[in-house]
PDB file of N, CA and C in Angstrom:
ATOM      1  N   MET A   1     -21.783 119.493  -1.029  1.00  0.00           N
ATOM      2  CA  MET A   1     -22.601 118.446  -1.584  1.00  0.00           C
ATOM      3  C   MET A   1     -22.261 118.280  -3.063  1.00  0.00           C
ATOM      4  N   GLU A   2     -22.381 117.087  -3.563  1.00  0.00           N
ATOM      5  CA  GLU A   2     -22.028 116.813  -4.947  1.00  0.00           C
ATOM      6  C   GLU A   2     -22.951 117.512  -5.936  1.00  0.00           C
ATOM      7  N   ASP A   3     -24.216 117.692  -5.592  1.00  0.00           N
ATOM      8  CA  ASP A   3     -25.158 118.309  -6.519  1.00  0.00           C
ATOM      9  C   ASP A   3     -25.173 119.831  -6.417  1.00  0.00           C
ATOM     10  N   GLY A   4     -24.263 120.419  -5.661  1.00  0.00           N
ATOM     11  CA  GLY A   4     -24.171 121.871  -5.537  1.00  0.00           C
ATOM     12  C   GLY A   4     -25.061 122.462  -4.469  1.00  0.00           C
ATOM     13  N   ARG A   5     -25.872 121.655  -3.807  1.00  0.00           N
ATOM     14  CA  ARG A   5     -26.745 122.152  -2.739  1.00  0.00           C
ATOM     15  C   ARG A   5     -25.904 122.381  -1.475  1.00  0.00           C
ATOM     16  N   LYS A   6     -26.250 123.383  -0.735  1.00  0.00           N
ATOM     17  CA  LYS A   6     -25.557 123.713   0.504  1.00  0.00           C
ATOM     18  C   LYS A   6     -26.242 123.028   1.683  1.00  0.00           C
ATOM     19  N   SER A   7     -25.443 122.613   2.668  1.00  0.00           N
ATOM     20  CA  SER A   7     -25.979 122.029   3.894  1.00  0.00           C
ATOM     21  C   SER A   7     -26.218 123.128   4.918  1.00  0.00           C
ATOM     22  N   VAL A   8     -27.371 123.072   5.561  1.00  0.00           N
ATOM     23  CA  VAL A   8     -27.728 124.043   6.587  1.00  0.00           C
ATOM     24  C   VAL A   8     -28.228 123.290   7.820  1.00  0.00           C
ATOM     25  N   PRO A   9     -27.484 123.356   8.924  1.00  0.00           N
ATOM     26  CA  PRO A   9     -28.005 122.768  10.155  1.00  0.00           C
ATOM     27  C   PRO A   9     -29.205 123.563  10.665  1.00  0.00           C
ATOM     28  N   ILE A  10     -30.219 122.857  11.101  1.00  0.00           N
ATOM     29  CA  ILE A  10     -31.375 123.459  11.766  1.00  0.00           C
ATOM     30  C   ILE A  10     -31.359 122.902  13.185  1.00  0.00           C
ATOM     31  N   VAL A  11     -31.094 123.766  14.160  1.00  0.00           N
ATOM     32  CA  VAL A  11     -31.004 123.333  15.550  1.00  0.00           C
ATOM     33  C   VAL A  11     -32.123 124.023  16.318  1.00  0.00           C
ATOM     34  N   GLU A  12     -33.147 123.261  16.631  1.00  0.00           N
ATOM     35  CA  GLU A  12     -34.365 123.817  17.233  1.00  0.00           C
ATOM     36  C   GLU A  12     -35.017 122.753  18.102  1.00  0.00           C
ATOM     37  N   ASP A  13     -35.361 123.118  19.339  1.00  0.00           N
ATOM     38  CA  ASP A  13     -35.979 122.145  20.233  1.00  0.00           C
ATOM     39  C   ASP A  13     -37.499 122.084  20.123  1.00  0.00           C
ATOM     40  N   GLU A  14     -38.124 123.032  19.450  1.00  0.00           N
ATOM     41  CA  GLU A  14     -39.574 123.008  19.250  1.00  0.00           C
ATOM     42  C   GLU A  14     -39.895 122.232  17.973  1.00  0.00           C
ATOM     43  N   PRO A  15     -40.591 121.095  18.099  1.00  0.00           N
ATOM     44  CA  PRO A  15     -40.851 120.236  16.929  1.00  0.00           C
ATOM     45  C   PRO A  15     -41.548 120.936  15.762  1.00  0.00           C
ATOM     46  N   GLY A  16     -42.521 121.781  16.039  1.00  0.00           N
ATOM     47  CA  GLY A  16     -43.251 122.451  14.962  1.00  0.00           C
ATOM     48  C   GLY A  16     -42.379 123.404  14.161  1.00  0.00           C
ATOM     49  N   ILE A  17     -41.563 124.172  14.847  1.00  0.00           N
ATOM     50  CA  ILE A  17     -40.654 125.108  14.171  1.00  0.00           C
ATOM     51  C   ILE A  17     -39.601 124.325  13.387  1.00  0.00           C
ATOM     52  N   ARG A  18     -39.067 123.289  14.020  1.00  0.00           N
ATOM     53  CA  ARG A  18     -38.051 122.448  13.354  1.00  0.00           C
ATOM     54  C   ARG A  18     -38.624 121.834  12.076  1.00  0.00           C
ATOM     55  N   ARG A  19     -39.829 121.319  12.145  1.00  0.00           N
ATOM     56  CA  ARG A  19     -40.468 120.695  10.983  1.00  0.00           C
ATOM     57  C   ARG A  19     -40.715 121.723   9.874  1.00  0.00           C
ATOM     58  N   LEU A  20     -41.202 122.918  10.238  1.00  0.00           N
ATOM     59  CA  LEU A  20     -41.457 123.973   9.251  1.00  0.00           C
ATOM     60  C   LEU A  20     -40.176 124.348   8.507  1.00  0.00           C
ATOM     61  N   MET A  21     -39.090 124.528   9.236  1.00  0.00           N
ATOM     62  CA  MET A  21     -37.818 124.881   8.604  1.00  0.00           C
ATOM     63  C   MET A  21     -37.311 123.751   7.707  1.00  0.00           C
ATOM     64  N   ALA A  22     -37.431 122.521   8.190  1.00  0.00           N
ATOM     65  CA  ALA A  22     -36.954 121.367   7.418  1.00  0.00           C
ATOM     66  C   ALA A  22     -37.772 121.161   6.149  1.00  0.00           C
ATOM     67  N   GLU A  23     -39.021 121.589   6.147  1.00  0.00           N
ATOM     68  CA  GLU A  23     -39.862 121.465   4.951  1.00  0.00           C
ATOM     69  C   GLU A  23     -39.652 122.628   3.987  1.00  0.00           C
ATOM     70  N   THR A  24     -39.267 123.794   4.500  1.00  0.00           N
ATOM     71  CA  THR A  24     -39.157 125.006   3.683  1.00  0.00           C
ATOM     72  C   THR A  24     -37.794 125.165   3.021  1.00  0.00           C
ATOM     73  N   LEU A  25     -36.722 124.943   3.753  1.00  0.00           N
ATOM     74  CA  LEU A  25     -35.375 125.201   3.218  1.00  0.00           C
ATOM     75  C   LEU A  25     -35.003 124.368   1.992  1.00  0.00           C
ATOM     76  N   PRO A  26     -35.409 123.102   1.878  1.00  0.00           N
ATOM     77  CA  PRO A  26     -35.059 122.370   0.656  1.00  0.00           C
ATOM     78  C   PRO A  26     -35.610 123.014  -0.620  1.00  0.00           C
ATOM     79  N   ASP A  27     -36.741 123.726  -0.526  1.00  0.00           N
ATOM     80  CA  ASP A  27     -37.296 124.418  -1.685  1.00  0.00           C
ATOM     81  C   ASP A  27     -36.376 125.529  -2.173  1.00  0.00           C
ATOM     82  N   GLY A  28     -35.514 126.029  -1.285  1.00  0.00           N
ATOM     83  CA  GLY A  28     -34.561 127.074  -1.645  1.00  0.00           C
ATOM     84  C   GLY A  28     -33.214 126.525  -2.065  1.00  0.00           C
ATOM     85  N   GLY A  29     -33.111 125.203  -2.199  1.00  0.00           N
ATOM     86  CA  GLY A  29     -31.867 124.599  -2.658  1.00  0.00           C
ATOM     87  C   GLY A  29     -30.915 124.182  -1.557  1.00  0.00           C
ATOM     88  N   PHE A  30     -31.434 123.973  -0.354  1.00  0.00           N
ATOM     89  CA  PHE A  30     -30.589 123.600   0.773  1.00  0.00           C
ATOM     90  C   PHE A  30     -30.891 122.177   1.239  1.00  0.00           C
ATOM     91  N   ASP A  31     -29.846 121.469   1.663  1.00  0.00           N
ATOM     92  CA  ASP A  31     -30.007 120.185   2.336  1.00  0.00           C
ATOM     93  C   ASP A  31     -29.970 120.464   3.828  1.00  0.00           C
ATOM     94  N   CYS A  32     -30.974 120.001   4.543  1.00  0.00           N
ATOM     95  CA  CYS A  32     -31.089 120.293   5.974  1.00  0.00           C
ATOM     96  C   CYS A  32     -30.478 119.197   6.825  1.00  0.00           C
ATOM     97  N   LEU A  33     -29.740 119.611   7.828  1.00  0.00           N
ATOM     98  CA  LEU A  33     -29.204 118.726   8.854  1.00  0.00           C
ATOM     99  C   LEU A  33     -29.982 119.066  10.120  1.00  0.00           C
ATOM    100  N   VAL A  34     -31.016 118.301  10.402  1.00  0.00           N
ATOM    101  CA  VAL A  34     -31.952 118.634  11.472  1.00  0.00           C
ATOM    102  C   VAL A  34     -31.482 118.062  12.806  1.00  0.00           C
ATOM    103  N   ALA A  35     -31.489 118.918  13.843  1.00  0.00           N
ATOM    104  CA  ALA A  35     -31.100 118.512  15.190  1.00  0.00           C
ATOM    105  C   ALA A  35     -32.115 119.068  16.183  1.00  0.00           C
ATOM    106  N   GLN A  36     -32.446 118.266  17.183  1.00  0.00           N
ATOM    107  CA  GLN A  36     -33.443 118.701  18.166  1.00  0.00           C
ATOM    108  C   GLN A  36     -32.845 119.353  19.412  1.00  0.00           C
ATOM    109  N   ASP A  37     -31.514 119.334  19.523  1.00  0.00           N
ATOM    110  CA  ASP A  37     -30.879 120.016  20.654  1.00  0.00           C
ATOM    111  C   ASP A  37     -29.465 120.455  20.252  1.00  0.00           C
ATOM    112  N   GLY A  38     -28.861 121.250  21.106  1.00  0.00           N
ATOM    113  CA  GLY A  38     -27.537 121.795  20.797  1.00  0.00           C
ATOM    114  C   GLY A  38     -26.464 120.745  20.650  1.00  0.00           C
ATOM    115  N   GLU A  39     -26.500 119.726  21.479  1.00  0.00           N
ATOM    116  CA  GLU A  39     -25.497 118.664  21.411  1.00  0.00           C
ATOM    117  C   GLU A  39     -25.538 117.973  20.049  1.00  0.00           C
ATOM    118  N   GLU A  40     -26.738 117.622  19.597  1.00  0.00           N
ATOM    119  CA  GLU A  40     -26.893 116.975  18.290  1.00  0.00           C
ATOM    120  C   GLU A  40     -26.495 117.936  17.165  1.00  0.00           C
ATOM    121  N   GLY A  41     -26.833 119.214  17.324  1.00  0.00           N
ATOM    122  CA  GLY A  41     -26.467 120.210  16.322  1.00  0.00           C
ATOM    123  C   GLY A  41     -24.972 120.364  16.175  1.00  0.00           C
ATOM    124  N   LEU A  42     -24.250 120.398  17.312  1.00  0.00           N
ATOM    125  CA  LEU A  42     -22.796 120.489  17.258  1.00  0.00           C
ATOM    126  C   LEU A  42     -22.199 119.269  16.570  1.00  0.00           C
ATOM    127  N   GLN A  43     -22.740 118.100  16.877  1.00  0.00           N
ATOM    128  CA  GLN A  43     -22.234 116.866  16.279  1.00  0.00           C
ATOM    129  C   GLN A  43     -22.448 116.865  14.769  1.00  0.00           C
ATOM    130  N   LYS A  44     -23.649 117.199  14.315  1.00  0.00           N
ATOM    131  CA  LYS A  44     -23.938 117.174  12.879  1.00  0.00           C
ATOM    132  C   LYS A  44     -23.159 118.247  12.125  1.00  0.00           C
ATOM    133  N   ALA A  45     -23.040 119.432  12.702  1.00  0.00           N
ATOM    134  CA  ALA A  45     -22.334 120.525  12.024  1.00  0.00           C
ATOM    135  C   ALA A  45     -20.846 120.254  11.926  1.00  0.00           C
ATOM    136  N   SER A  46     -20.302 119.481  12.868  1.00  0.00           N
ATOM    137  CA  SER A  46     -18.866 119.227  12.842  1.00  0.00           C
ATOM    138  C   SER A  46     -18.452 118.328  11.683  1.00  0.00           C
ATOM    139  N   PHE A  47     -19.402 117.618  11.086  1.00  0.00           N
ATOM    140  CA  PHE A  47     -19.103 116.723   9.966  1.00  0.00           C
ATOM    141  C   PHE A  47     -19.571 117.273   8.628  1.00  0.00           C
ATOM    142  N   ALA A  48     -19.968 118.540   8.586  1.00  0.00           N
ATOM    143  CA  ALA A  48     -20.501 119.111   7.350  1.00  0.00           C
ATOM    144  C   ALA A  48     -19.779 120.407   7.004  1.00  0.00           C
ATOM    145  N   ASP A  49     -19.795 120.752   5.750  1.00  0.00           N
ATOM    146  CA  ASP A  49     -19.252 122.011   5.272  1.00  0.00           C
ATOM    147  C   ASP A  49     -20.424 122.980   5.161  1.00  0.00           C
ATOM    148  N   VAL A  50     -20.593 123.818   6.168  1.00  0.00           N
ATOM    149  CA  VAL A  50     -21.733 124.727   6.199  1.00  0.00           C
ATOM    150  C   VAL A  50     -21.259 126.169   6.254  1.00  0.00           C
ATOM    151  N   GLY A  51     -22.043 127.034   5.665  1.00  0.00           N
ATOM    152  CA  GLY A  51     -21.750 128.453   5.713  1.00  0.00           C
ATOM    153  C   GLY A  51     -22.785 129.221   6.499  1.00  0.00           C
ATOM    154  N   ALA A  52     -23.890 128.558   6.832  1.00  0.00           N
ATOM    155  CA  ALA A  52     -24.975 129.185   7.582  1.00  0.00           C
ATOM    156  C   ALA A  52     -25.696 128.109   8.372  1.00  0.00           C
ATOM    157  N   ALA A  53     -26.433 128.545   9.375  1.00  0.00           N
ATOM    158  CA  ALA A  53     -27.210 127.618  10.199  1.00  0.00           C
ATOM    159  C   ALA A  53     -28.435 128.348  10.733  1.00  0.00           C
ATOM    160  N   VAL A  54     -29.462 127.594  11.046  1.00  0.00           N
ATOM    161  CA  VAL A  54     -30.647 128.114  11.722  1.00  0.00           C
ATOM    162  C   VAL A  54     -30.580 127.560  13.134  1.00  0.00           C
ATOM    163  N   VAL A  55     -30.368 128.449  14.118  1.00  0.00           N
ATOM    164  CA  VAL A  55     -30.132 128.010  15.495  1.00  0.00           C
ATOM    165  C   VAL A  55     -31.056 128.753  16.449  1.00  0.00           C
ATOM    166  N   ASP A  56     -31.776 128.002  17.261  1.00  0.00           N
ATOM    167  CA  ASP A  56     -32.581 128.564  18.346  1.00  0.00           C
ATOM    168  C   ASP A  56     -31.613 129.187  19.350  1.00  0.00           C
ATOM    169  N   LEU A  57     -31.816 130.447  19.710  1.00  0.00           N
ATOM    170  CA  LEU A  57     -30.896 131.122  20.617  1.00  0.00           C
ATOM    171  C   LEU A  57     -31.138 130.781  22.084  1.00  0.00           C
ATOM    172  N   ASN A  58     -32.183 130.006  22.376  1.00  0.00           N
ATOM    173  CA  ASN A  58     -32.502 129.641  23.758  1.00  0.00           C
ATOM    174  C   ASN A  58     -32.521 128.135  23.949  1.00  0.00           C
ATOM    175  N   LEU A  59     -31.541 127.447  23.415  1.00  0.00           N
ATOM    176  CA  LEU A  59     -31.487 125.996  23.562  1.00  0.00           C
ATOM    177  C   LEU A  59     -31.103 125.611  24.986  1.00  0.00           C
ATOM    178  N   PRO A  60     -31.825 124.672  25.592  1.00  0.00           N
ATOM    179  CA  PRO A  60     -31.457 124.220  26.930  1.00  0.00           C
ATOM    180  C   PRO A  60     -30.033 123.643  26.942  1.00  0.00           C
ATOM    181  N   GLY A  61     -29.267 124.022  27.957  1.00  0.00           N
ATOM    182  CA  GLY A  61     -27.918 123.494  28.108  1.00  0.00           C
ATOM    183  C   GLY A  61     -26.867 124.153  27.243  1.00  0.00           C
ATOM    184  N   MET A  62     -27.262 125.174  26.472  1.00  0.00           N
ATOM    185  CA  MET A  62     -26.315 125.827  25.571  1.00  0.00           C
ATOM    186  C   MET A  62     -26.192 127.312  25.915  1.00  0.00           C
ATOM    187  N   TRP A  63     -24.991 127.847  25.701  1.00  0.00           N
ATOM    188  CA  TRP A  63     -24.727 129.272  25.835  1.00  0.00           C
ATOM    189  C   TRP A  63     -24.681 129.850  24.432  1.00  0.00           C
ATOM    190  N   THR A  64     -25.382 130.956  24.200  1.00  0.00           N
ATOM    191  CA  THR A  64     -25.360 131.589  22.881  1.00  0.00           C
ATOM    192  C   THR A  64     -24.995 133.068  23.009  1.00  0.00           C
ATOM    193  N   HIS A  65     -24.370 133.559  21.975  1.00  0.00           N
ATOM    194  CA  HIS A  65     -24.022 134.971  21.874  1.00  0.00           C
ATOM    195  C   HIS A  65     -24.238 135.366  20.421  1.00  0.00           C
ATOM    196  N   HIS A  66     -24.908 136.504  20.204  1.00  0.00           N
ATOM    197  CA  HIS A  66     -25.086 136.947  18.824  1.00  0.00           C
ATOM    198  C   HIS A  66     -24.805 138.438  18.699  1.00  0.00           C
ATOM    199  N   GLU A  67     -24.297 138.794  17.522  1.00  0.00           N
ATOM    200  CA  GLU A  67     -24.009 140.179  17.165  1.00  0.00           C
ATOM    201  C   GLU A  67     -24.596 140.416  15.784  1.00  0.00           C
ATOM    202  N   CYS A  68     -25.374 141.478  15.651  1.00  0.00           N
ATOM    203  CA  CYS A  68     -25.969 141.809  14.357  1.00  0.00           C
ATOM    204  C   CYS A  68     -25.381 143.110  13.837  1.00  0.00           C
ATOM    205  N   GLU A  69     -25.076 143.116  12.557  1.00  0.00           N
ATOM    206  CA  GLU A  69     -24.493 144.281  11.886  1.00  0.00           C
ATOM    207  C   GLU A  69     -25.612 145.132  11.280  1.00  0.00           C
ATOM    208  N   ALA A  70     -25.271 146.336  10.864  1.00  0.00           N
ATOM    209  CA  ALA A  70     -26.242 147.242  10.260  1.00  0.00           C
ATOM    210  C   ALA A  70     -26.827 146.674   8.969  1.00  0.00           C
ATOM    211  N   ASP A  71     -26.058 145.830   8.255  1.00  0.00           N
ATOM    212  CA  ASP A  71     -26.541 145.267   6.999  1.00  0.00           C
ATOM    213  C   ASP A  71     -27.466 144.065   7.216  1.00  0.00           C
ATOM    214  N   GLY A  72     -27.743 143.720   8.482  1.00  0.00           N
ATOM    215  CA  GLY A  72     -28.641 142.610   8.783  1.00  0.00           C
ATOM    216  C   GLY A  72     -27.948 141.276   9.006  1.00  0.00           C
ATOM    217  N   LEU A  73     -26.655 141.206   8.756  1.00  0.00           N
ATOM    218  CA  LEU A  73     -25.913 139.971   8.969  1.00  0.00           C
ATOM    219  C   LEU A  73     -25.709 139.762  10.466  1.00  0.00           C
ATOM    220  N   CYS A  74     -26.069 138.584  10.950  1.00  0.00           N
ATOM    221  CA  CYS A  74     -25.878 138.262  12.367  1.00  0.00           C
ATOM    222  C   CYS A  74     -24.907 137.105  12.497  1.00  0.00           C
ATOM    223  N   ARG A  75     -24.027 137.210  13.458  1.00  0.00           N
ATOM    224  CA  ARG A  75     -23.090 136.143  13.779  1.00  0.00           C
ATOM    225  C   ARG A  75     -23.487 135.556  15.123  1.00  0.00           C
ATOM    226  N   VAL A  76     -23.598 134.248  15.173  1.00  0.00           N
ATOM    227  CA  VAL A  76     -24.015 133.573  16.395  1.00  0.00           C
ATOM    228  C   VAL A  76     -22.950 132.569  16.799  1.00  0.00           C
ATOM    229  N   SER A  77     -22.590 132.585  18.069  1.00  0.00           N
ATOM    230  CA  SER A  77     -21.688 131.587  18.629  1.00  0.00           C
ATOM    231  C   SER A  77     -22.475 130.815  19.675  1.00  0.00           C
ATOM    232  N   PHE A  78     -22.274 129.514  19.705  1.00  0.00           N
ATOM    233  CA  PHE A  78     -22.881 128.765  20.784  1.00  0.00           C
ATOM    234  C   PHE A  78     -21.995 127.603  21.177  1.00  0.00           C
ATOM    235  N   MET A  79     -22.070 127.264  22.467  1.00  0.00           N
ATOM    236  CA  MET A  79     -21.281 126.164  23.005  1.00  0.00           C
ATOM    237  C   MET A  79     -22.015 125.597  24.211  1.00  0.00           C
ATOM    238  N   ARG A  80     -21.567 124.448  24.655  1.00  0.00           N
ATOM    239  CA  ARG A  80     -22.155 123.826  25.845  1.00  0.00           C
ATOM    240  C   ARG A  80     -21.935 124.747  27.052  1.00  0.00           C
ATOM    241  N   GLN A  81     -22.949 124.859  27.922  1.00  0.00           N
ATOM    242  CA  GLN A  81     -22.831 125.733  29.082  1.00  0.00           C
ATOM    243  C   GLN A  81     -21.664 125.345  29.976  1.00  0.00           C
ATOM    244  N   GLU A  82     -21.413 124.043  30.158  1.00  0.00           N
ATOM    245  CA  GLU A  82     -20.307 123.641  31.041  1.00  0.00           C
ATOM    246  C   GLU A  82     -18.956 124.042  30.453  1.00  0.00           C
ATOM    247  N   GLU A  83     -18.828 124.044  29.118  1.00  0.00           N
ATOM    248  CA  GLU A  83     -17.589 124.502  28.491  1.00  0.00           C
ATOM    249  C   GLU A  83     -17.415 126.004  28.686  1.00  0.00           C
ATOM    250  N   ARG A  84     -18.502 126.734  28.584  1.00  0.00           N
ATOM    251  CA  ARG A  84     -18.457 128.183  28.791  1.00  0.00           C
ATOM    252  C   ARG A  84     -18.045 128.499  30.227  1.00  0.00           C
ATOM    253  N   ARG A  85     -18.626 127.791  31.199  1.00  0.00           N
ATOM    254  CA  ARG A  85     -18.256 128.012  32.597  1.00  0.00           C
ATOM    255  C   ARG A  85     -16.781 127.701  32.821  1.00  0.00           C
ATOM    256  N   ALA A  86     -16.296 126.607  32.256  1.00  0.00           N
ATOM    257  CA  ALA A  86     -14.883 126.243  32.409  1.00  0.00           C
ATOM    258  C   ALA A  86     -13.975 127.285  31.771  1.00  0.00           C
ATOM    259  N   MET A  87     -14.371 127.784  30.620  1.00  0.00           N
ATOM    260  CA  MET A  87     -13.578 128.806  29.933  1.00  0.00           C
ATOM    261  C   MET A  87     -13.534 130.098  30.747  1.00  0.00           C
ATOM    262  N   ARG A  88     -14.649 130.491  31.309  1.00  0.00           N
ATOM    263  CA  ARG A  88     -14.696 131.710  32.106  1.00  0.00           C
ATOM    264  C   ARG A  88     -13.876 131.555  33.386  1.00  0.00           C
ATOM    265  N   GLY A  89     -13.817 130.349  33.940  1.00  0.00           N
ATOM    266  CA  GLY A  89     -13.045 130.087  35.140  1.00  0.00           C
ATOM    267  C   GLY A  89     -11.553 130.198  34.911  1.00  0.00           C
ATOM    268  N   GLN A  90     -11.129 130.056  33.665  1.00  0.00           N
ATOM    269  CA  GLN A  90      -9.708 130.130  33.320  1.00  0.00           C
ATOM    270  C   GLN A  90      -9.250 131.553  33.062  1.00  0.00           C
ATOM    271  N   GLN A  91     -10.174 132.481  32.943  1.00  0.00           N
ATOM    272  CA  GLN A  91      -9.812 133.877  32.632  1.00  0.00           C
ATOM    273  C   GLN A  91      -9.344 134.609  33.867  1.00  0.00           C
TER     274      GLN A  91
END
């Protein structure tokens, strides 16, 4: 972002949680890219330079995998379930 603020996608299907995050993160200096489902989240994140995201790990239609380190850092991968099935079929 030109003003030095970082973009953070918020991908959450629960409206109340999504709204709370979208209202809170700008106070910490972040511009929020709000998405109500995984498909919209993938689309918005693909056009932004992001270093972090807030992602619901139980999004309908999405496959998620997360690994947390001892220092508290967690890495999350997510993709469309049909892409995951196709990828697994090729192995």
